Amino acid sequence: MSISHRIVIFLIAATLLSACSMKSYPPIQENVSIAATVNIKDKSITFIDIDSQEKLAEWEMEKPYTGAVILPDKDTILLYGKHVETADLYSLKMGKLIDTWETGEGIINGKMLQTNAEIALVDQNLDKIRFFNIDGEEQWQMSTERDPLTILEAEKSKHLFVLSFNREKLTVIDLDKKEKLNGYPIHPSAAGAWLNENLNEIWIGGHGSGAEIEKDIHVYDSLSGQFKRKIPAPSMPVNFLGINNQVFVLSHGTSMLYKLNEMGEVINSVIIGANPFDCVYINGQLLIAGYDSNDLHIVNPETLEIIKTIPVGSGPFQIVLRERKS
């Protein structure tokens, strides 16, 4: 192949790559509070106006993202996925890609930490929690048990709790000292958790092991690791949300939403959607994603009445919130 032909091919390839990176989406204005669902079956992001309870836009993405984090500027959304080699940052108001972080594959979860204003990314390929600043620079990392999944931040003690799906042990990381503390044993196939720092309790759900489907929430002392009790929540309790001394639990095996008090007593329960996976709270309302019903349910937390159901993309797996800029 002649040099001139190689130059032409290079220019064509560069043009195509540039065109892909410049793909634009409907912009999301800054003066709107939004809920965004990350839909993993059709690789889309659905944006809902929380005040009007109407769909704003739907972005059809090119990569299989499974989760997102909204950065403190309230405009940048960071998208990641276990089979995506980069964490990609999009400007909501511009509707386009603005940066990428070279993370490598394996990122299964992420959280913006309050303790040190860093982003914790859960890397299942490396079995580590990796800590990045908001400029995308990796600051440090810490090894965990195999297949880390759920992370919880204890803001008072400045600890990070890490559940590993395939190991019966919880990892504890000191965020200030940047060191791993003594963990403690937990039940198998753990997933989803809630931390009550006032009572020093951590509630942990899960899918179950083998043919045994998890039917209970396991409660441990968050300091000593001592097992305290079980709370029935059949079946497969995988998502927890604590609000005003009450705990909302999603059991996706039965599509059940439970409302409990801090002692674990059931106050109310209701079937929501089909296979709900995520639940968030904003403006006095619960938002629940129905993974197999492809919808977002707006729920009154007092009565558990469904106020409205909004269709979203296929397979909503996570909900992220952005309050409007004041």
C-alpha atoms as a PDB file:
ATOM      1  CA  MET A   1       0.000   0.000   0.000  1.00  0.00           C
ATOM      2  CA  SER A   2       1.382   3.398  -0.973  1.00  0.00           C
ATOM      3  CA  ILE A   3       1.993   6.155   1.556  1.00  0.00           C
ATOM      4  CA  SER A   4      -0.737   8.285  -0.004  1.00  0.00           C
ATOM      5  CA  HIS A   5      -3.294   5.465   0.400  1.00  0.00           C
ATOM      6  CA  ARG A   6      -2.321   5.043   4.039  1.00  0.00           C
ATOM      7  CA  ILE A   7      -2.780   8.758   4.649  1.00  0.00           C
ATOM      8  CA  VAL A   8      -6.253   8.649   3.100  1.00  0.00           C
ATOM      9  CA  ILE A   9      -7.283   5.655   5.255  1.00  0.00           C
ATOM     10  CA  PHE A  10      -5.925   7.388   8.354  1.00  0.00           C
ATOM     11  CA  LEU A  11      -7.872  10.553   7.605  1.00  0.00           C
ATOM     12  CA  ILE A  12     -11.097   8.604   7.028  1.00  0.00           C
ATOM     13  CA  ALA A  13     -10.663   6.679  10.291  1.00  0.00           C
ATOM     14  CA  ALA A  14      -9.901   9.890  12.194  1.00  0.00           C
ATOM     15  CA  THR A  15     -13.004  11.533  10.743  1.00  0.00           C
ATOM     16  CA  LEU A  16     -15.210   8.583  11.746  1.00  0.00           C
ATOM     17  CA  LEU A  17     -13.806   8.536  15.282  1.00  0.00           C
ATOM     18  CA  SER A  18     -14.329  12.271  15.587  1.00  0.00           C
ATOM     19  CA  ALA A  19     -17.907  11.962  14.360  1.00  0.00           C
ATOM     20  CA  CYS A  20     -18.643   9.255  16.964  1.00  0.00           C
ATOM     21  CA  SER A  21     -17.194  11.334  19.791  1.00  0.00           C
ATOM     22  CA  MET A  22     -19.193  14.394  18.709  1.00  0.00           C
ATOM     23  CA  LYS A  23     -22.593  12.657  18.742  1.00  0.00           C
ATOM     24  CA  SER A  24     -25.074  14.970  20.429  1.00  0.00           C
ATOM     25  CA  TYR A  25     -28.197  14.275  22.485  1.00  0.00           C
ATOM     26  CA  PRO A  26     -31.171  16.411  23.562  1.00  0.00           C
ATOM     27  CA  PRO A  27     -29.828  18.834  26.198  1.00  0.00           C
ATOM     28  CA  ILE A  28     -31.084  18.787  29.788  1.00  0.00           C
ATOM     29  CA  GLN A  29     -31.463  22.303  31.162  1.00  0.00           C
ATOM     30  CA  GLU A  30     -29.880  23.284  34.481  1.00  0.00           C
ATOM     31  CA  ASN A  31     -33.060  24.723  36.006  1.00  0.00           C
ATOM     32  CA  VAL A  32     -34.813  21.339  36.079  1.00  0.00           C
ATOM     33  CA  SER A  33     -34.634  18.712  38.822  1.00  0.00           C
ATOM     34  CA  ILE A  34     -34.270  15.335  37.147  1.00  0.00           C
ATOM     35  CA  ALA A  35     -34.281  11.615  37.749  1.00  0.00           C
ATOM     36  CA  ALA A  36     -32.271   9.636  35.199  1.00  0.00           C
ATOM     37  CA  THR A  37     -32.736   5.897  34.750  1.00  0.00           C
ATOM     38  CA  VAL A  38     -29.841   3.855  33.385  1.00  0.00           C
ATOM     39  CA  ASN A  39     -31.557   1.255  31.191  1.00  0.00           C
ATOM     40  CA  ILE A  40     -29.326  -1.735  30.545  1.00  0.00           C
ATOM     41  CA  LYS A  41     -31.413  -3.786  28.091  1.00  0.00           C
ATOM     42  CA  ASP A  42     -31.517  -1.161  25.335  1.00  0.00           C
ATOM     43  CA  LYS A  43     -28.453   0.895  26.398  1.00  0.00           C
ATOM     44  CA  SER A  44     -30.417   4.088  27.008  1.00  0.00           C
ATOM     45  CA  ILE A  45     -30.705   6.858  29.608  1.00  0.00           C
ATOM     46  CA  THR A  46     -34.192   8.251  30.327  1.00  0.00           C
ATOM     47  CA  PHE A  47     -34.516  11.705  31.898  1.00  0.00           C
ATOM     48  CA  ILE A  48     -37.614  12.590  33.937  1.00  0.00           C
ATOM     49  CA  ASP A  49     -38.627  16.102  35.091  1.00  0.00           C
ATOM     50  CA  ILE A  50     -39.354  15.517  38.779  1.00  0.00           C
ATOM     51  CA  ASP A  51     -41.645  18.530  39.169  1.00  0.00           C
ATOM     52  CA  SER A  52     -43.835  17.938  36.117  1.00  0.00           C
ATOM     53  CA  GLN A  53     -43.451  14.141  36.330  1.00  0.00           C
ATOM     54  CA  GLU A  54     -42.964  14.000  32.582  1.00  0.00           C
ATOM     55  CA  LYS A  55     -40.278  12.463  30.390  1.00  0.00           C
ATOM     56  CA  LEU A  56     -37.777  15.074  29.183  1.00  0.00           C
ATOM     57  CA  ALA A  57     -35.587  13.041  26.854  1.00  0.00           C
ATOM     58  CA  GLU A  58     -34.104   9.640  26.176  1.00  0.00           C
ATOM     59  CA  TRP A  59     -30.491   9.198  25.135  1.00  0.00           C
ATOM     60  CA  GLU A  60     -29.698   6.075  23.091  1.00  0.00           C
ATOM     61  CA  MET A  61     -26.132   5.292  24.071  1.00  0.00           C
ATOM     62  CA  GLU A  62     -23.541   3.349  22.099  1.00  0.00           C
ATOM     63  CA  LYS A  63     -21.953   1.560  25.060  1.00  0.00           C
ATOM     64  CA  PRO A  64     -23.445  -0.881  27.610  1.00  0.00           C
ATOM     65  CA  TYR A  65     -23.437   1.416  30.635  1.00  0.00           C
ATOM     66  CA  THR A  66     -24.837  -0.044  33.847  1.00  0.00           C
ATOM     67  CA  GLY A  67     -24.548   2.888  36.262  1.00  0.00           C
ATOM     68  CA  ALA A  68     -23.962   6.603  36.681  1.00  0.00           C
ATOM     69  CA  VAL A  69     -22.788   9.279  39.103  1.00  0.00           C
ATOM     70  CA  ILE A  70     -23.777  12.960  38.979  1.00  0.00           C
ATOM     71  CA  LEU A  71     -20.754  15.144  39.767  1.00  0.00           C
ATOM     72  CA  PRO A  72     -20.944  18.137  42.172  1.00  0.00           C
ATOM     73  CA  ASP A  73     -21.251  20.659  39.323  1.00  0.00           C
ATOM     74  CA  LYS A  74     -24.763  19.186  38.771  1.00  0.00           C
ATOM     75  CA  ASP A  75     -24.143  19.135  35.031  1.00  0.00           C
ATOM     76  CA  THR A  76     -21.693  16.297  34.482  1.00  0.00           C
ATOM     77  CA  ILE A  77     -22.961  12.714  34.467  1.00  0.00           C
ATOM     78  CA  LEU A  78     -20.321   9.991  34.684  1.00  0.00           C
ATOM     79  CA  LEU A  79     -21.351   6.710  33.029  1.00  0.00           C
ATOM     80  CA  TYR A  80     -19.631   3.365  33.623  1.00  0.00           C
ATOM     81  CA  GLY A  81     -20.159  -0.333  32.929  1.00  0.00           C
ATOM     82  CA  LYS A  82     -18.451  -3.616  33.679  1.00  0.00           C
ATOM     83  CA  HIS A  83     -17.763  -4.243  29.996  1.00  0.00           C
ATOM     84  CA  VAL A  84     -16.826  -0.654  29.126  1.00  0.00           C
ATOM     85  CA  GLU A  85     -13.137   0.262  29.013  1.00  0.00           C
ATOM     86  CA  THR A  86     -13.641   3.890  30.041  1.00  0.00           C
ATOM     87  CA  ALA A  87     -15.775   5.938  32.389  1.00  0.00           C
ATOM     88  CA  ASP A  88     -17.379   8.536  30.131  1.00  0.00           C
ATOM     89  CA  LEU A  89     -18.463  12.016  31.190  1.00  0.00           C
ATOM     90  CA  TYR A  90     -21.303  13.862  29.473  1.00  0.00           C
ATOM     91  CA  SER A  91     -22.490  17.430  29.926  1.00  0.00           C
ATOM     92  CA  LEU A  92     -26.243  17.380  30.494  1.00  0.00           C
ATOM     93  CA  LYS A  93     -26.794  20.956  29.298  1.00  0.00           C
ATOM     94  CA  MET A  94     -24.739  20.385  26.134  1.00  0.00           C
ATOM     95  CA  GLY A  95     -25.891  16.813  25.534  1.00  0.00           C
ATOM     96  CA  LYS A  96     -22.470  15.560  24.507  1.00  0.00           C
ATOM     97  CA  LEU A  97     -19.362  13.707  25.622  1.00  0.00           C
ATOM     98  CA  ILE A  98     -16.836  16.015  27.297  1.00  0.00           C
ATOM     99  CA  ASP A  99     -14.237  13.664  28.812  1.00  0.00           C
ATOM    100  CA  THR A 100     -13.241  10.027  29.370  1.00  0.00           C
ATOM    101  CA  TRP A 101     -11.347   8.321  32.172  1.00  0.00           C
ATOM    102  CA  GLU A 102      -9.173   5.347  31.273  1.00  0.00           C
ATOM    103  CA  THR A 103     -10.415   2.922  33.934  1.00  0.00           C
ATOM    104  CA  GLY A 104     -10.288  -0.360  32.029  1.00  0.00           C
ATOM    105  CA  GLU A 105     -13.178  -2.838  32.149  1.00  0.00           C
ATOM    106  CA  GLY A 106     -14.675  -4.092  35.389  1.00  0.00           C
ATOM    107  CA  ILE A 107     -16.374  -1.030  36.920  1.00  0.00           C
ATOM    108  CA  ILE A 108     -19.632  -2.338  38.396  1.00  0.00           C
ATOM    109  CA  ASN A 109     -20.618   0.399  40.864  1.00  0.00           C
ATOM    110  CA  GLY A 110     -19.734   3.968  41.797  1.00  0.00           C
ATOM    111  CA  LYS A 111     -20.432   6.516  44.513  1.00  0.00           C
ATOM    112  CA  MET A 112     -19.634  10.178  45.143  1.00  0.00           C
ATOM    113  CA  LEU A 113     -18.202  10.183  48.670  1.00  0.00           C
ATOM    114  CA  GLN A 114     -19.020  12.863  51.222  1.00  0.00           C
ATOM    115  CA  THR A 115     -15.945  12.156  53.362  1.00  0.00           C
ATOM    116  CA  ASN A 116     -13.254  13.280  50.948  1.00  0.00           C
ATOM    117  CA  ALA A 117     -15.071  14.512  47.818  1.00  0.00           C
ATOM    118  CA  GLU A 118     -13.743  11.560  45.838  1.00  0.00           C
ATOM    119  CA  ILE A 119     -15.518   9.094  43.595  1.00  0.00           C
ATOM    120  CA  ALA A 120     -15.248   5.460  44.652  1.00  0.00           C
ATOM    121  CA  LEU A 121     -15.431   3.059  41.711  1.00  0.00           C
ATOM    122  CA  VAL A 122     -15.948  -0.658  42.355  1.00  0.00           C
ATOM    123  CA  ASP A 123     -13.680  -2.703  40.053  1.00  0.00           C
ATOM    124  CA  GLN A 124     -14.634  -6.389  39.822  1.00  0.00           C
ATOM    125  CA  ASN A 125     -11.835  -7.237  37.406  1.00  0.00           C
ATOM    126  CA  LEU A 126      -9.181  -6.099  39.875  1.00  0.00           C
ATOM    127  CA  ASP A 127     -11.193  -6.808  43.067  1.00  0.00           C
ATOM    128  CA  LYS A 128     -10.487  -3.296  44.296  1.00  0.00           C
ATOM    129  CA  ILE A 129     -12.142  -0.031  45.230  1.00  0.00           C
ATOM    130  CA  ARG A 130     -10.474   2.734  43.220  1.00  0.00           C
ATOM    131  CA  PHE A 131     -10.689   6.344  44.339  1.00  0.00           C
ATOM    132  CA  PHE A 132     -10.684   9.199  41.797  1.00  0.00           C
ATOM    133  CA  ASN A 133     -10.873  12.958  42.168  1.00  0.00           C
ATOM    134  CA  ILE A 134     -13.405  14.840  40.050  1.00  0.00           C
ATOM    135  CA  ASP A 135     -10.714  15.548  37.434  1.00  0.00           C
ATOM    136  CA  GLY A 136     -10.395  11.819  36.754  1.00  0.00           C
ATOM    137  CA  GLU A 137      -7.045  11.333  38.500  1.00  0.00           C
ATOM    138  CA  GLU A 138      -6.815   8.089  40.448  1.00  0.00           C
ATOM    139  CA  GLN A 139      -5.716   8.958  43.983  1.00  0.00           C
ATOM    140  CA  TRP A 140      -5.467   5.537  45.615  1.00  0.00           C
ATOM    141  CA  GLN A 141      -6.975   2.071  45.639  1.00  0.00           C
ATOM    142  CA  MET A 142      -7.714  -0.687  48.103  1.00  0.00           C
ATOM    143  CA  SER A 143      -8.082  -4.445  47.583  1.00  0.00           C
ATOM    144  CA  THR A 144     -11.289  -6.211  48.664  1.00  0.00           C
ATOM    145  CA  GLU A 145     -12.713  -9.717  48.724  1.00  0.00           C
ATOM    146  CA  ARG A 146     -13.499 -11.254  45.323  1.00  0.00           C
ATOM    147  CA  ASP A 147     -16.293  -9.651  43.262  1.00  0.00           C
ATOM    148  CA  PRO A 148     -17.019  -6.485  45.276  1.00  0.00           C
ATOM    149  CA  LEU A 149     -20.478  -5.101  44.583  1.00  0.00           C
ATOM    150  CA  THR A 150     -22.295  -2.963  47.170  1.00  0.00           C
ATOM    151  CA  ILE A 151     -20.581  -0.035  48.943  1.00  0.00           C
ATOM    152  CA  LEU A 152     -21.833   2.022  51.900  1.00  0.00           C
ATOM    153  CA  GLU A 153     -20.260   5.176  53.324  1.00  0.00           C
ATOM    154  CA  ALA A 154     -20.334   5.795  57.070  1.00  0.00           C
ATOM    155  CA  GLU A 155     -20.003   9.566  57.267  1.00  0.00           C
ATOM    156  CA  LYS A 156     -19.520   9.754  61.046  1.00  0.00           C
ATOM    157  CA  SER A 157     -16.760   7.153  61.295  1.00  0.00           C
ATOM    158  CA  LYS A 158     -15.465   7.881  57.767  1.00  0.00           C
ATOM    159  CA  HIS A 159     -15.490   4.205  56.863  1.00  0.00           C
ATOM    160  CA  LEU A 160     -16.472   2.481  53.631  1.00  0.00           C
ATOM    161  CA  PHE A 161     -18.230  -0.902  53.880  1.00  0.00           C
ATOM    162  CA  VAL A 162     -17.829  -3.225  50.885  1.00  0.00           C
ATOM    163  CA  LEU A 163     -19.963  -6.314  50.193  1.00  0.00           C
ATOM    164  CA  SER A 164     -18.531  -8.982  47.911  1.00  0.00           C
ATOM    165  CA  PHE A 165     -21.103 -11.154  46.181  1.00  0.00           C
ATOM    166  CA  ASN A 166     -18.963 -14.307  46.118  1.00  0.00           C
ATOM    167  CA  ARG A 167     -17.255 -14.031  49.494  1.00  0.00           C
ATOM    168  CA  GLU A 168     -18.854 -14.364  52.924  1.00  0.00           C
ATOM    169  CA  LYS A 169     -16.892 -11.462  54.375  1.00  0.00           C
ATOM    170  CA  LEU A 170     -17.429  -7.709  54.572  1.00  0.00           C
ATOM    171  CA  THR A 171     -14.481  -5.383  53.884  1.00  0.00           C
ATOM    172  CA  VAL A 172     -14.080  -2.164  55.898  1.00  0.00           C
ATOM    173  CA  ILE A 173     -11.900   0.709  54.626  1.00  0.00           C
ATOM    174  CA  ASP A 174     -10.807   3.721  56.684  1.00  0.00           C
ATOM    175  CA  LEU A 175     -11.241   6.627  54.264  1.00  0.00           C
ATOM    176  CA  ASP A 176      -9.162   9.064  56.321  1.00  0.00           C
ATOM    177  CA  LYS A 177      -6.178   6.798  56.970  1.00  0.00           C
ATOM    178  CA  LYS A 178      -6.549   5.058  53.586  1.00  0.00           C
ATOM    179  CA  GLU A 179      -6.139   1.626  55.098  1.00  0.00           C
ATOM    180  CA  LYS A 180      -8.118  -1.598  55.362  1.00  0.00           C
ATOM    181  CA  LEU A 181      -9.537  -2.468  58.777  1.00  0.00           C
ATOM    182  CA  ASN A 182     -10.646  -5.824  60.149  1.00  0.00           C
ATOM    183  CA  GLY A 183     -13.712  -7.034  58.287  1.00  0.00           C
ATOM    184  CA  TYR A 184     -16.162  -9.643  59.507  1.00  0.00           C
ATOM    185  CA  PRO A 185     -18.099 -12.657  58.179  1.00  0.00           C
ATOM    186  CA  ILE A 186     -21.561 -12.228  56.649  1.00  0.00           C
ATOM    187  CA  HIS A 187     -24.052 -14.505  54.893  1.00  0.00           C
ATOM    188  CA  PRO A 188     -23.465 -15.734  51.289  1.00  0.00           C
ATOM    189  CA  SER A 189     -24.523 -13.936  48.071  1.00  0.00           C
ATOM    190  CA  ALA A 190     -25.007 -10.638  49.889  1.00  0.00           C
ATOM    191  CA  ALA A 191     -26.288  -7.678  47.873  1.00  0.00           C
ATOM    192  CA  GLY A 192     -27.849  -4.399  48.940  1.00  0.00           C
ATOM    193  CA  ALA A 193     -27.443  -2.862  52.390  1.00  0.00           C
ATOM    194  CA  TRP A 194     -28.444  -0.037  54.715  1.00  0.00           C
ATOM    195  CA  LEU A 195     -26.340   1.501  57.468  1.00  0.00           C
ATOM    196  CA  ASN A 196     -27.851   2.923  60.648  1.00  0.00           C
ATOM    197  CA  GLU A 197     -24.982   4.767  62.334  1.00  0.00           C
ATOM    198  CA  ASN A 198     -27.164   5.836  65.259  1.00  0.00           C
ATOM    199  CA  LEU A 199     -27.786   2.219  66.269  1.00  0.00           C
ATOM    200  CA  ASN A 200     -24.491   0.865  64.872  1.00  0.00           C
ATOM    201  CA  GLU A 201     -26.364  -1.568  62.654  1.00  0.00           C
ATOM    202  CA  ILE A 202     -25.901  -2.660  59.075  1.00  0.00           C
ATOM    203  CA  TRP A 203     -28.808  -4.397  57.332  1.00  0.00           C
ATOM    204  CA  ILE A 204     -27.766  -6.643  54.451  1.00  0.00           C
ATOM    205  CA  GLY A 205     -29.933  -8.370  51.855  1.00  0.00           C
ATOM    206  CA  GLY A 206     -29.063 -10.713  49.017  1.00  0.00           C
ATOM    207  CA  HIS A 207     -30.143 -13.137  46.321  1.00  0.00           C
ATOM    208  CA  GLY A 208     -29.481 -16.415  48.101  1.00  0.00           C
ATOM    209  CA  SER A 209     -27.018 -19.204  47.442  1.00  0.00           C
ATOM    210  CA  GLY A 210     -27.581 -22.073  45.018  1.00  0.00           C
ATOM    211  CA  ALA A 211     -31.191 -23.246  45.137  1.00  0.00           C
ATOM    212  CA  GLU A 212     -31.784 -21.358  48.391  1.00  0.00           C
ATOM    213  CA  ILE A 213     -33.474 -18.014  47.683  1.00  0.00           C
ATOM    214  CA  GLU A 214     -32.762 -15.316  50.274  1.00  0.00           C
ATOM    215  CA  LYS A 215     -35.899 -14.496  52.249  1.00  0.00           C
ATOM    216  CA  ASP A 216     -34.450 -12.411  55.068  1.00  0.00           C
ATOM    217  CA  ILE A 217     -32.568  -9.235  55.859  1.00  0.00           C
ATOM    218  CA  HIS A 218     -29.536 -10.015  58.032  1.00  0.00           C
ATOM    219  CA  VAL A 219     -28.713  -7.454  60.707  1.00  0.00           C
ATOM    220  CA  TYR A 220     -25.144  -7.102  62.021  1.00  0.00           C
ATOM    221  CA  ASP A 221     -23.446  -4.839  64.520  1.00  0.00           C
ATOM    222  CA  SER A 222     -21.564  -2.471  62.202  1.00  0.00           C
ATOM    223  CA  LEU A 223     -18.656  -2.097  64.653  1.00  0.00           C
ATOM    224  CA  SER A 224     -18.071  -5.628  65.942  1.00  0.00           C
ATOM    225  CA  GLY A 225     -19.627  -7.585  63.083  1.00  0.00           C
ATOM    226  CA  GLN A 226     -21.731  -9.625  65.501  1.00  0.00           C
ATOM    227  CA  PHE A 227     -24.860 -11.109  63.933  1.00  0.00           C
ATOM    228  CA  LYS A 228     -27.943  -9.715  65.699  1.00  0.00           C
ATOM    229  CA  ARG A 229     -31.136 -10.922  64.020  1.00  0.00           C
ATOM    230  CA  LYS A 230     -33.057 -11.649  60.822  1.00  0.00           C
ATOM    231  CA  ILE A 231     -35.961  -9.649  59.402  1.00  0.00           C
ATOM    232  CA  PRO A 232     -38.298 -11.512  56.975  1.00  0.00           C
ATOM    233  CA  ALA A 233     -38.569  -9.757  53.588  1.00  0.00           C
ATOM    234  CA  PRO A 234     -39.274 -12.405  50.955  1.00  0.00           C
ATOM    235  CA  SER A 235     -37.806 -12.677  48.553  1.00  0.00           C
ATOM    236  CA  MET A 236     -34.407 -11.362  47.479  1.00  0.00           C
ATOM    237  CA  PRO A 237     -34.216  -8.021  49.321  1.00  0.00           C
ATOM    238  CA  VAL A 238     -31.638  -6.128  47.261  1.00  0.00           C
ATOM    239  CA  ASN A 239     -32.233  -2.418  47.800  1.00  0.00           C
ATOM    240  CA  PHE A 240     -32.574  -0.328  50.963  1.00  0.00           C
ATOM    241  CA  LEU A 241     -33.447   3.298  51.632  1.00  0.00           C
ATOM    242  CA  GLY A 242     -33.620   4.925  55.057  1.00  0.00           C
ATOM    243  CA  ILE A 243     -35.818   8.018  55.510  1.00  0.00           C
ATOM    244  CA  ASN A 244     -36.922   9.643  58.785  1.00  0.00           C
ATOM    245  CA  ASN A 245     -36.487   6.573  61.005  1.00  0.00           C
ATOM    246  CA  GLN A 246     -38.154   4.351  58.440  1.00  0.00           C
ATOM    247  CA  VAL A 247     -36.579   1.858  56.053  1.00  0.00           C
ATOM    248  CA  PHE A 248     -37.882   1.039  52.585  1.00  0.00           C
ATOM    249  CA  VAL A 249     -36.817  -2.335  51.178  1.00  0.00           C
ATOM    250  CA  LEU A 250     -37.213  -3.659  47.637  1.00  0.00           C
ATOM    251  CA  SER A 251     -37.485  -7.432  47.313  1.00  0.00           C
ATOM    252  CA  HIS A 252     -37.180  -7.967  43.595  1.00  0.00           C
ATOM    253  CA  GLY A 253     -38.056 -11.677  43.676  1.00  0.00           C
ATOM    254  CA  THR A 254     -41.627 -10.803  44.652  1.00  0.00           C
ATOM    255  CA  SER A 255     -41.705  -7.215  43.300  1.00  0.00           C
ATOM    256  CA  MET A 256     -42.502  -6.155  46.851  1.00  0.00           C
ATOM    257  CA  LEU A 257     -41.841  -2.811  48.534  1.00  0.00           C
ATOM    258  CA  TYR A 258     -41.679  -3.042  52.325  1.00  0.00           C
ATOM    259  CA  LYS A 259     -41.900  -0.128  54.738  1.00  0.00           C
ATOM    260  CA  LEU A 260     -40.307  -0.951  58.098  1.00  0.00           C
ATOM    261  CA  ASN A 261     -39.392   0.898  61.254  1.00  0.00           C
ATOM    262  CA  GLU A 262     -35.823   0.843  62.577  1.00  0.00           C
ATOM    263  CA  MET A 263     -36.609  -2.213  64.703  1.00  0.00           C
ATOM    264  CA  GLY A 264     -37.503  -4.166  61.567  1.00  0.00           C
ATOM    265  CA  GLU A 265     -41.252  -4.260  62.112  1.00  0.00           C
ATOM    266  CA  VAL A 266     -43.283  -4.121  58.897  1.00  0.00           C
ATOM    267  CA  ILE A 267     -45.490  -1.039  58.731  1.00  0.00           C
ATOM    268  CA  ASN A 268     -46.819  -1.559  55.221  1.00  0.00           C
ATOM    269  CA  SER A 269     -46.057  -3.367  51.960  1.00  0.00           C
ATOM    270  CA  VAL A 270     -47.183  -3.284  48.346  1.00  0.00           C
ATOM    271  CA  ILE A 271     -46.314  -4.837  44.974  1.00  0.00           C
ATOM    272  CA  ILE A 272     -44.542  -2.307  42.716  1.00  0.00           C
ATOM    273  CA  GLY A 273     -43.827  -2.895  39.011  1.00  0.00           C
ATOM    274  CA  ALA A 274     -42.011  -6.027  37.875  1.00  0.00           C
ATOM    275  CA  ASN A 275     -38.625  -6.908  39.369  1.00  0.00           C
ATOM    276  CA  PRO A 276     -37.848  -3.527  40.924  1.00  0.00           C
ATOM    277  CA  PHE A 277     -34.126  -2.975  41.507  1.00  0.00           C
ATOM    278  CA  ASP A 278     -33.621   0.629  42.616  1.00  0.00           C
ATOM    279  CA  CYS A 279     -35.356   3.134  44.877  1.00  0.00           C
ATOM    280  CA  VAL A 280     -34.532   6.803  45.604  1.00  0.00           C
ATOM    281  CA  TYR A 281     -36.175   9.661  47.487  1.00  0.00           C
ATOM    282  CA  ILE A 282     -36.645  13.288  46.451  1.00  0.00           C
ATOM    283  CA  ASN A 283     -39.190  16.046  47.106  1.00  0.00           C
ATOM    284  CA  GLY A 284     -41.111  13.874  49.569  1.00  0.00           C
ATOM    285  CA  GLN A 285     -41.632  11.057  47.072  1.00  0.00           C
ATOM    286  CA  LEU A 286     -40.180   7.624  46.366  1.00  0.00           C
ATOM    287  CA  LEU A 287     -39.049   6.798  42.835  1.00  0.00           C
ATOM    288  CA  ILE A 288     -38.851   3.097  42.002  1.00  0.00           C
ATOM    289  CA  ALA A 289     -37.535   1.520  38.807  1.00  0.00           C
ATOM    290  CA  GLY A 290     -39.365  -1.528  37.434  1.00  0.00           C
ATOM    291  CA  TYR A 291     -36.684  -3.530  35.634  1.00  0.00           C
ATOM    292  CA  ASP A 292     -39.005  -5.882  33.740  1.00  0.00           C
ATOM    293  CA  SER A 293     -41.944  -3.476  33.449  1.00  0.00           C
ATOM    294  CA  ASN A 294     -39.718  -0.732  31.956  1.00  0.00           C
ATOM    295  CA  ASP A 295     -41.131   2.063  34.057  1.00  0.00           C
ATOM    296  CA  LEU A 296     -40.545   4.507  36.876  1.00  0.00           C
ATOM    297  CA  HIS A 297     -43.095   4.573  39.693  1.00  0.00           C
ATOM    298  CA  ILE A 298     -43.667   7.686  41.808  1.00  0.00           C
ATOM    299  CA  VAL A 299     -44.848   6.539  45.228  1.00  0.00           C
ATOM    300  CA  ASN A 300     -46.221   8.275  48.321  1.00  0.00           C
ATOM    301  CA  PRO A 301     -43.895   7.115  51.145  1.00  0.00           C
ATOM    302  CA  GLU A 302     -46.615   7.507  53.774  1.00  0.00           C
ATOM    303  CA  THR A 303     -49.283   5.349  52.152  1.00  0.00           C
ATOM    304  CA  LEU A 304     -47.215   3.496  49.499  1.00  0.00           C
ATOM    305  CA  GLU A 305     -49.819   4.602  46.959  1.00  0.00           C
ATOM    306  CA  ILE A 306     -48.543   4.783  43.374  1.00  0.00           C
ATOM    307  CA  ILE A 307     -49.014   8.399  42.296  1.00  0.00           C
ATOM    308  CA  LYS A 308     -47.869   7.972  38.704  1.00  0.00           C
ATOM    309  CA  THR A 309     -46.135   5.455  36.437  1.00  0.00           C
ATOM    310  CA  ILE A 310     -43.847   6.774  33.684  1.00  0.00           C
ATOM    311  CA  PRO A 311     -42.554   4.575  30.830  1.00  0.00           C
ATOM    312  CA  VAL A 312     -38.750   4.582  30.461  1.00  0.00           C
ATOM    313  CA  GLY A 313     -36.217   2.626  28.405  1.00  0.00           C
ATOM    314  CA  SER A 314     -35.871  -1.144  28.578  1.00  0.00           C
ATOM    315  CA  GLY A 315     -34.421  -2.549  31.790  1.00  0.00           C
ATOM    316  CA  PRO A 316     -34.040   0.424  34.171  1.00  0.00           C
ATOM    317  CA  PHE A 317     -31.339  -0.725  36.587  1.00  0.00           C
ATOM    318  CA  GLN A 318     -30.299   2.419  38.437  1.00  0.00           C
ATOM    319  CA  ILE A 319     -31.803   5.842  39.200  1.00  0.00           C
ATOM    320  CA  VAL A 320     -29.628   8.926  39.706  1.00  0.00           C
ATOM    321  CA  LEU A 321     -30.892  12.315  40.860  1.00  0.00           C
ATOM    322  CA  ARG A 322     -29.939  15.882  40.028  1.00  0.00           C
ATOM    323  CA  GLU A 323     -31.576  18.809  41.805  1.00  0.00           C
ATOM    324  CA  ARG A 324     -31.850  22.026  39.826  1.00  0.00           C
ATOM    325  CA  LYS A 325     -29.202  24.695  40.250  1.00  0.00           C
ATOM    326  CA  SER A 326     -30.391  27.450  42.566  1.00  0.00           C
END
